[in-house]
Every structure is written in structure tokens, then in C-alpha cells.
Amino acid sequence: MKPTKFEWEDVTQFEEIEGYGKSIWKNEDKYYLVLEEGTVASWLVIYELPQELFALLESGERTFQEVSWKVQNDS
């Protein structure tokens, strides 16, 4: 999936989903995943998190690492 055009300042206005260390946020009916990317210098990248993947994460069927890999690599 491609990153959104949101910046960290935008995301902090959304509702934080507790239990994920400021990595998952909700705005209206959409979820967003905030990931740190880069090697030497890192930056925050915001992806839209499909509701189906959020449901799998919440149910415990998938781990945070599995969901973030799916979102980053679209596979």
C-alpha cells in the first residue's frame, strides 16, 4: 500500500487506539498505521489500515508485525 499524505501533526488530531504504542489511530471510520521507516535516518510514514486487517489484529488472529508487513509490502 502507498503511504498517505498525512503528517504526524495531522494524525495526532485523530483518536489514538490504545495498546499499540501510538501506532494505530482512527479518524471517523478509517484506521491509520504509523510506522518508522529508514535506516540511518528514520522518519514516520502513515498508511491507511484496512478495517479487515485491524479486525484481525484486534482478534489476535494476526500480530502487529504481520499486519504492518502486509500494509508496507501490500502482500
PDB file of N, CA and C in Angstrom:
ATOM      1  N   MET A   1       0.839  -1.174   0.000  1.00  0.00           N
ATOM      2  CA  MET A   1       0.000   0.000   0.000  1.00  0.00           C
ATOM      3  C   MET A   1       0.883   1.236   0.000  1.00  0.00           C
ATOM      4  N   LYS A   2       0.388   2.278  -0.565  1.00  0.00           N
ATOM      5  CA  LYS A   2       1.140   3.513  -0.606  1.00  0.00           C
ATOM      6  C   LYS A   2       0.871   4.325   0.650  1.00  0.00           C
ATOM      7  N   PRO A   3       1.887   5.038   1.128  1.00  0.00           N
ATOM      8  CA  PRO A   3       1.676   5.905   2.283  1.00  0.00           C
ATOM      9  C   PRO A   3       0.671   7.015   1.963  1.00  0.00           C
ATOM     10  N   THR A   4       0.003   7.492   3.003  1.00  0.00           N
ATOM     11  CA  THR A   4      -0.907   8.619   2.823  1.00  0.00           C
ATOM     12  C   THR A   4      -0.094   9.905   2.780  1.00  0.00           C
ATOM     13  N   LYS A   5      -0.753  11.002   2.561  1.00  0.00           N
ATOM     14  CA  LYS A   5      -0.079  12.296   2.564  1.00  0.00           C
ATOM     15  C   LYS A   5      -0.137  12.950   3.951  1.00  0.00           C
ATOM     16  N   PHE A   6      -0.685  12.230   4.936  1.00  0.00           N
ATOM     17  CA  PHE A   6      -0.765  12.774   6.279  1.00  0.00           C
ATOM     18  C   PHE A   6       0.619  12.905   6.903  1.00  0.00           C
ATOM     19  N   GLU A   7       0.760  13.914   7.725  1.00  0.00           N
ATOM     20  CA  GLU A   7       1.960  14.108   8.536  1.00  0.00           C
ATOM     21  C   GLU A   7       1.621  13.736   9.969  1.00  0.00           C
ATOM     22  N   TRP A   8       2.647  13.561  10.809  1.00  0.00           N
ATOM     23  CA  TRP A   8       2.439  13.216  12.205  1.00  0.00           C
ATOM     24  C   TRP A   8       1.501  14.212  12.895  1.00  0.00           C
ATOM     25  N   GLU A   9       1.650  15.489  12.581  1.00  0.00           N
ATOM     26  CA  GLU A   9       0.812  16.524  13.189  1.00  0.00           C
ATOM     27  C   GLU A   9      -0.665  16.320  12.858  1.00  0.00           C
ATOM     28  N   ASP A  10      -0.950  15.814  11.670  1.00  0.00           N
ATOM     29  CA  ASP A  10      -2.335  15.518  11.282  1.00  0.00           C
ATOM     30  C   ASP A  10      -2.873  14.349  12.098  1.00  0.00           C
ATOM     31  N   VAL A  11      -2.074  13.300  12.186  1.00  0.00           N
ATOM     32  CA  VAL A  11      -2.506  12.074  12.841  1.00  0.00           C
ATOM     33  C   VAL A  11      -2.777  12.298  14.330  1.00  0.00           C
ATOM     34  N   THR A  12      -2.007  13.154  14.974  1.00  0.00           N
ATOM     35  CA  THR A  12      -2.202  13.376  16.411  1.00  0.00           C
ATOM     36  C   THR A  12      -3.545  14.030  16.719  1.00  0.00           C
ATOM     37  N   GLN A  13      -4.232  14.504  15.704  1.00  0.00           N
ATOM     38  CA  GLN A  13      -5.571  15.058  15.878  1.00  0.00           C
ATOM     39  C   GLN A  13      -6.631  13.954  15.861  1.00  0.00           C
ATOM     40  N   PHE A  14      -6.236  12.756  15.454  1.00  0.00           N
ATOM     41  CA  PHE A  14      -7.152  11.621  15.386  1.00  0.00           C
ATOM     42  C   PHE A  14      -7.265  10.971  16.763  1.00  0.00           C
ATOM     43  N   GLU A  15      -8.115   9.963  16.861  1.00  0.00           N
ATOM     44  CA  GLU A  15      -8.290   9.212  18.100  1.00  0.00           C
ATOM     45  C   GLU A  15      -7.239   8.097  18.158  1.00  0.00           C
ATOM     46  N   GLU A  16      -6.449   8.082  19.218  1.00  0.00           N
ATOM     47  CA  GLU A  16      -5.434   7.040  19.377  1.00  0.00           C
ATOM     48  C   GLU A  16      -6.097   5.749  19.843  1.00  0.00           C
ATOM     49  N   ILE A  17      -5.748   4.627  19.205  1.00  0.00           N
ATOM     50  CA  ILE A  17      -6.229   3.320  19.631  1.00  0.00           C
ATOM     51  C   ILE A  17      -5.234   2.803  20.665  1.00  0.00           C
ATOM     52  N   GLU A  18      -5.684   2.670  21.891  1.00  0.00           N
ATOM     53  CA  GLU A  18      -4.815   2.267  22.992  1.00  0.00           C
ATOM     54  C   GLU A  18      -4.278   0.857  22.805  1.00  0.00           C
ATOM     55  N   GLY A  19      -3.074   0.641  23.318  1.00  0.00           N
ATOM     56  CA  GLY A  19      -2.478  -0.687  23.303  1.00  0.00           C
ATOM     57  C   GLY A  19      -1.494  -0.930  22.172  1.00  0.00           C
ATOM     58  N   TYR A  20      -1.286   0.065  21.319  1.00  0.00           N
ATOM     59  CA  TYR A  20      -0.393  -0.110  20.175  1.00  0.00           C
ATOM     60  C   TYR A  20       0.731   0.915  20.148  1.00  0.00           C
ATOM     61  N   GLY A  21       0.986   1.570  21.262  1.00  0.00           N
ATOM     62  CA  GLY A  21       2.115   2.484  21.361  1.00  0.00           C
ATOM     63  C   GLY A  21       2.127   3.618  20.365  1.00  0.00           C
ATOM     64  N   LYS A  22       1.017   4.303  20.218  1.00  0.00           N
ATOM     65  CA  LYS A  22       0.876   5.436  19.287  1.00  0.00           C
ATOM     66  C   LYS A  22       1.092   5.041  17.825  1.00  0.00           C
ATOM     67  N   SER A  23       0.807   3.778  17.497  1.00  0.00           N
ATOM     68  CA  SER A  23       0.988   3.314  16.120  1.00  0.00           C
ATOM     69  C   SER A  23      -0.302   3.195  15.338  1.00  0.00           C
ATOM     70  N   ILE A  24      -1.451   3.113  16.020  1.00  0.00           N
ATOM     71  CA  ILE A  24      -2.725   2.990  15.308  1.00  0.00           C
ATOM     72  C   ILE A  24      -3.658   4.098  15.778  1.00  0.00           C
ATOM     73  N   TRP A  25      -4.236   4.777  14.799  1.00  0.00           N
ATOM     74  CA  TRP A  25      -5.107   5.918  15.056  1.00  0.00           C
ATOM     75  C   TRP A  25      -6.373   5.760  14.236  1.00  0.00           C
ATOM     76  N   LYS A  26      -7.455   6.389  14.670  1.00  0.00           N
ATOM     77  CA  LYS A  26      -8.733   6.303  13.963  1.00  0.00           C
ATOM     78  C   LYS A  26      -9.269   7.705  13.727  1.00  0.00           C
ATOM     79  N   ASN A  27      -9.746   7.933  12.516  1.00  0.00           N
ATOM     80  CA  ASN A  27     -10.401   9.186  12.160  1.00  0.00           C
ATOM     81  C   ASN A  27     -11.691   8.822  11.440  1.00  0.00           C
ATOM     82  N   GLU A  28     -12.814   9.168  12.083  1.00  0.00           N
ATOM     83  CA  GLU A  28     -14.138   8.786  11.599  1.00  0.00           C
ATOM     84  C   GLU A  28     -14.195   7.271  11.480  1.00  0.00           C
ATOM     85  N   ASP A  29     -14.317   6.714  10.282  1.00  0.00           N
ATOM     86  CA  ASP A  29     -14.402   5.253  10.160  1.00  0.00           C
ATOM     87  C   ASP A  29     -13.149   4.633   9.541  1.00  0.00           C
ATOM     88  N   LYS A  30     -12.044   5.372   9.508  1.00  0.00           N
ATOM     89  CA  LYS A  30     -10.811   4.868   8.919  1.00  0.00           C
ATOM     90  C   LYS A  30      -9.717   4.750   9.974  1.00  0.00           C
ATOM     91  N   TYR A  31      -8.923   3.686   9.824  1.00  0.00           N
ATOM     92  CA  TYR A  31      -7.790   3.453  10.716  1.00  0.00           C
ATOM     93  C   TYR A  31      -6.499   3.793   9.979  1.00  0.00           C
ATOM     94  N   TYR A  32      -5.504   4.240  10.745  1.00  0.00           N
ATOM     95  CA  TYR A  32      -4.208   4.593  10.179  1.00  0.00           C
ATOM     96  C   TYR A  32      -3.101   3.952  10.990  1.00  0.00           C
ATOM     97  N   LEU A  33      -2.080   3.500  10.294  1.00  0.00           N
ATOM     98  CA  LEU A  33      -0.935   2.851  10.900  1.00  0.00           C
ATOM     99  C   LEU A  33       0.270   3.771  10.727  1.00  0.00           C
ATOM    100  N   VAL A  34       0.940   4.096  11.827  1.00  0.00           N
ATOM    101  CA  VAL A  34       2.115   4.958  11.797  1.00  0.00           C
ATOM    102  C   VAL A  34       3.340   4.080  12.024  1.00  0.00           C
ATOM    103  N   LEU A  35       4.255   4.082  11.052  1.00  0.00           N
ATOM    104  CA  LEU A  35       5.459   3.264  11.148  1.00  0.00           C
ATOM    105  C   LEU A  35       6.699   4.126  10.972  1.00  0.00           C
ATOM    106  N   GLU A  36       7.752   3.735  11.651  1.00  0.00           N
ATOM    107  CA  GLU A  36       9.043   4.395  11.480  1.00  0.00           C
ATOM    108  C   GLU A  36       9.794   3.640  10.399  1.00  0.00           C
ATOM    109  N   GLU A  37      10.263   4.367   9.398  1.00  0.00           N
ATOM    110  CA  GLU A  37      10.983   3.737   8.290  1.00  0.00           C
ATOM    111  C   GLU A  37      12.322   4.427   8.094  1.00  0.00           C
ATOM    112  N   GLY A  38      13.201   3.761   7.393  1.00  0.00           N
ATOM    113  CA  GLY A  38      14.523   4.303   7.120  1.00  0.00           C
ATOM    114  C   GLY A  38      15.586   3.496   7.827  1.00  0.00           C
ATOM    115  N   THR A  39      16.827   3.744   7.456  1.00  0.00           N
ATOM    116  CA  THR A  39      17.924   3.005   8.067  1.00  0.00           C
ATOM    117  C   THR A  39      18.754   3.935   8.942  1.00  0.00           C
ATOM    118  N   VAL A  40      19.598   4.741   8.354  1.00  0.00           N
ATOM    119  CA  VAL A  40      20.440   5.653   9.132  1.00  0.00           C
ATOM    120  C   VAL A  40      19.590   6.789   9.687  1.00  0.00           C
ATOM    121  N   ALA A  41      18.838   7.429   8.834  1.00  0.00           N
ATOM    122  CA  ALA A  41      17.893   8.461   9.271  1.00  0.00           C
ATOM    123  C   ALA A  41      16.493   7.874   9.140  1.00  0.00           C
ATOM    124  N   SER A  42      15.701   8.018  10.170  1.00  0.00           N
ATOM    125  CA  SER A  42      14.355   7.452  10.110  1.00  0.00           C
ATOM    126  C   SER A  42      13.313   8.562  10.077  1.00  0.00           C
ATOM    127  N   TRP A  43      12.133   8.211   9.605  1.00  0.00           N
ATOM    128  CA  TRP A  43      11.023   9.140   9.518  1.00  0.00           C
ATOM    129  C   TRP A  43       9.737   8.356   9.733  1.00  0.00           C
ATOM    130  N   LEU A  44       8.668   9.061  10.052  1.00  0.00           N
ATOM    131  CA  LEU A  44       7.372   8.425  10.263  1.00  0.00           C
ATOM    132  C   LEU A  44       6.592   8.400   8.965  1.00  0.00           C
ATOM    133  N   VAL A  45       5.983   7.260   8.671  1.00  0.00           N
ATOM    134  CA  VAL A  45       5.173   7.091   7.471  1.00  0.00           C
ATOM    135  C   VAL A  45       3.795   6.634   7.922  1.00  0.00           C
ATOM    136  N   ILE A  46       2.757   7.239   7.361  1.00  0.00           N
ATOM    137  CA  ILE A  46       1.386   6.928   7.747  1.00  0.00           C
ATOM    138  C   ILE A  46       0.693   6.190   6.605  1.00  0.00           C
ATOM    139  N   TYR A  47       0.167   5.003   6.924  1.00  0.00           N
ATOM    140  CA  TYR A  47      -0.567   4.183   5.968  1.00  0.00           C
ATOM    141  C   TYR A  47      -2.017   4.084   6.411  1.00  0.00           C
ATOM    142  N   GLU A  48      -2.919   3.963   5.451  1.00  0.00           N
ATOM    143  CA  GLU A  48      -4.295   3.636   5.802  1.00  0.00           C
ATOM    144  C   GLU A  48      -4.321   2.150   6.141  1.00  0.00           C
ATOM    145  N   LEU A  49      -4.965   1.816   7.235  1.00  0.00           N
ATOM    146  CA  LEU A  49      -5.053   0.436   7.698  1.00  0.00           C
ATOM    147  C   LEU A  49      -6.458  -0.074   7.417  1.00  0.00           C
ATOM    148  N   PRO A  50      -6.605  -1.019   6.480  1.00  0.00           N
ATOM    149  CA  PRO A  50      -7.942  -1.535   6.166  1.00  0.00           C
ATOM    150  C   PRO A  50      -8.620  -2.115   7.415  1.00  0.00           C
ATOM    151  N   GLN A  51      -9.920  -1.928   7.505  1.00  0.00           N
ATOM    152  CA  GLN A  51     -10.666  -2.405   8.667  1.00  0.00           C
ATOM    153  C   GLN A  51     -10.535  -3.906   8.852  1.00  0.00           C
ATOM    154  N   GLU A  52     -10.425  -4.654   7.753  1.00  0.00           N
ATOM    155  CA  GLU A  52     -10.283  -6.106   7.858  1.00  0.00           C
ATOM    156  C   GLU A  52      -9.000  -6.482   8.589  1.00  0.00           C
ATOM    157  N   LEU A  53      -7.909  -5.766   8.275  1.00  0.00           N
ATOM    158  CA  LEU A  53      -6.642  -6.048   8.945  1.00  0.00           C
ATOM    159  C   LEU A  53      -6.689  -5.620  10.409  1.00  0.00           C
ATOM    160  N   PHE A  54      -7.333  -4.495  10.688  1.00  0.00           N
ATOM    161  CA  PHE A  54      -7.461  -4.063  12.077  1.00  0.00           C
ATOM    162  C   PHE A  54      -8.260  -5.095  12.869  1.00  0.00           C
ATOM    163  N   ALA A  55      -9.303  -5.646  12.275  1.00  0.00           N
ATOM    164  CA  ALA A  55     -10.122  -6.660  12.944  1.00  0.00           C
ATOM    165  C   ALA A  55      -9.298  -7.916  13.241  1.00  0.00           C
ATOM    166  N   LEU A  56      -8.440  -8.335  12.300  1.00  0.00           N
ATOM    167  CA  LEU A  56      -7.579  -9.493  12.528  1.00  0.00           C
ATOM    168  C   LEU A  56      -6.589  -9.228  13.664  1.00  0.00           C
ATOM    169  N   LEU A  57      -6.078  -8.007  13.717  1.00  0.00           N
ATOM    170  CA  LEU A  57      -5.158  -7.617  14.776  1.00  0.00           C
ATOM    171  C   LEU A  57      -5.856  -7.617  16.133  1.00  0.00           C
ATOM    172  N   GLU A  58      -7.018  -7.010  16.188  1.00  0.00           N
ATOM    173  CA  GLU A  58      -7.774  -6.918  17.441  1.00  0.00           C
ATOM    174  C   GLU A  58      -8.201  -8.293  17.954  1.00  0.00           C
ATOM    175  N   SER A  59      -8.524  -9.198  17.038  1.00  0.00           N
ATOM    176  CA  SER A  59      -8.979 -10.529  17.440  1.00  0.00           C
ATOM    177  C   SER A  59      -7.821 -11.423  17.884  1.00  0.00           C
ATOM    178  N   GLY A  60      -6.586 -11.005  17.570  1.00  0.00           N
ATOM    179  CA  GLY A  60      -5.430 -11.817  17.918  1.00  0.00           C
ATOM    180  C   GLY A  60      -5.063 -12.824  16.845  1.00  0.00           C
ATOM    181  N   GLU A  61      -5.811 -12.812  15.737  1.00  0.00           N
ATOM    182  CA  GLU A  61      -5.522 -13.733  14.641  1.00  0.00           C
ATOM    183  C   GLU A  61      -4.216 -13.403  13.939  1.00  0.00           C
ATOM    184  N   ARG A  62      -3.842 -12.131  13.946  1.00  0.00           N
ATOM    185  CA  ARG A  62      -2.590 -11.664  13.352  1.00  0.00           C
ATOM    186  C   ARG A  62      -1.871 -10.774  14.361  1.00  0.00           C
ATOM    187  N   THR A  63      -0.530 -10.796  14.281  1.00  0.00           N
ATOM    188  CA  THR A  63       0.264  -9.952  15.166  1.00  0.00           C
ATOM    189  C   THR A  63       0.438  -8.565  14.546  1.00  0.00           C
ATOM    190  N   PHE A  64       0.910  -7.639  15.361  1.00  0.00           N
ATOM    191  CA  PHE A  64       1.175  -6.290  14.862  1.00  0.00           C
ATOM    192  C   PHE A  64       2.215  -6.350  13.743  1.00  0.00           C
ATOM    193  N   GLN A  65       3.241  -7.181  13.911  1.00  0.00           N
ATOM    194  CA  GLN A  65       4.289  -7.299  12.890  1.00  0.00           C
ATOM    195  C   GLN A  65       3.732  -7.830  11.570  1.00  0.00           C
ATOM    196  N   GLU A  66       2.849  -8.804  11.641  1.00  0.00           N
ATOM    197  CA  GLU A  66       2.248  -9.357  10.419  1.00  0.00           C
ATOM    198  C   GLU A  66       1.398  -8.313   9.702  1.00  0.00           C
ATOM    199  N   VAL A  67       0.609  -7.581  10.457  1.00  0.00           N
ATOM    200  CA  VAL A  67      -0.258  -6.559   9.865  1.00  0.00           C
ATOM    201  C   VAL A  67       0.579  -5.427   9.270  1.00  0.00           C
ATOM    202  N   SER A  68       1.589  -4.972   9.985  1.00  0.00           N
ATOM    203  CA  SER A  68       2.411  -3.873   9.459  1.00  0.00           C
ATOM    204  C   SER A  68       3.178  -4.319   8.216  1.00  0.00           C
ATOM    205  N   TRP A  69       3.646  -5.577   8.174  1.00  0.00           N
ATOM    206  CA  TRP A  69       4.323  -6.102   6.979  1.00  0.00           C
ATOM    207  C   TRP A  69       3.369  -6.091   5.787  1.00  0.00           C
ATOM    208  N   LYS A  70       2.148  -6.539   6.010  1.00  0.00           N
ATOM    209  CA  LYS A  70       1.131  -6.584   4.942  1.00  0.00           C
ATOM    210  C   LYS A  70       0.862  -5.174   4.393  1.00  0.00           C
ATOM    211  N   VAL A  71       0.735  -4.224   5.294  1.00  0.00           N
ATOM    212  CA  VAL A  71       0.436  -2.861   4.871  1.00  0.00           C
ATOM    213  C   VAL A  71       1.623  -2.256   4.119  1.00  0.00           C
ATOM    214  N   GLN A  72       2.831  -2.439   4.636  1.00  0.00           N
ATOM    215  CA  GLN A  72       4.018  -1.874   3.992  1.00  0.00           C
ATOM    216  C   GLN A  72       4.306  -2.496   2.633  1.00  0.00           C
ATOM    217  N   ASN A  73       4.134  -3.792   2.536  1.00  0.00           N
ATOM    218  CA  ASN A  73       4.558  -4.515   1.327  1.00  0.00           C
ATOM    219  C   ASN A  73       3.401  -4.931   0.433  1.00  0.00           C
ATOM    220  N   ASP A  74       2.175  -4.657   0.855  1.00  0.00           N
ATOM    221  CA  ASP A  74       0.976  -4.989   0.088  1.00  0.00           C
ATOM    222  C   ASP A  74       0.976  -6.476  -0.307  1.00  0.00           C
ATOM    223  N   SER A  75       1.409  -7.310   0.658  1.00  0.00           N
ATOM    224  CA  SER A  75       1.412  -8.758   0.375  1.00  0.00           C
ATOM    225  C   SER A  75       1.126  -9.545   1.641  1.00  0.00           C
TER     226      SER A  75
END
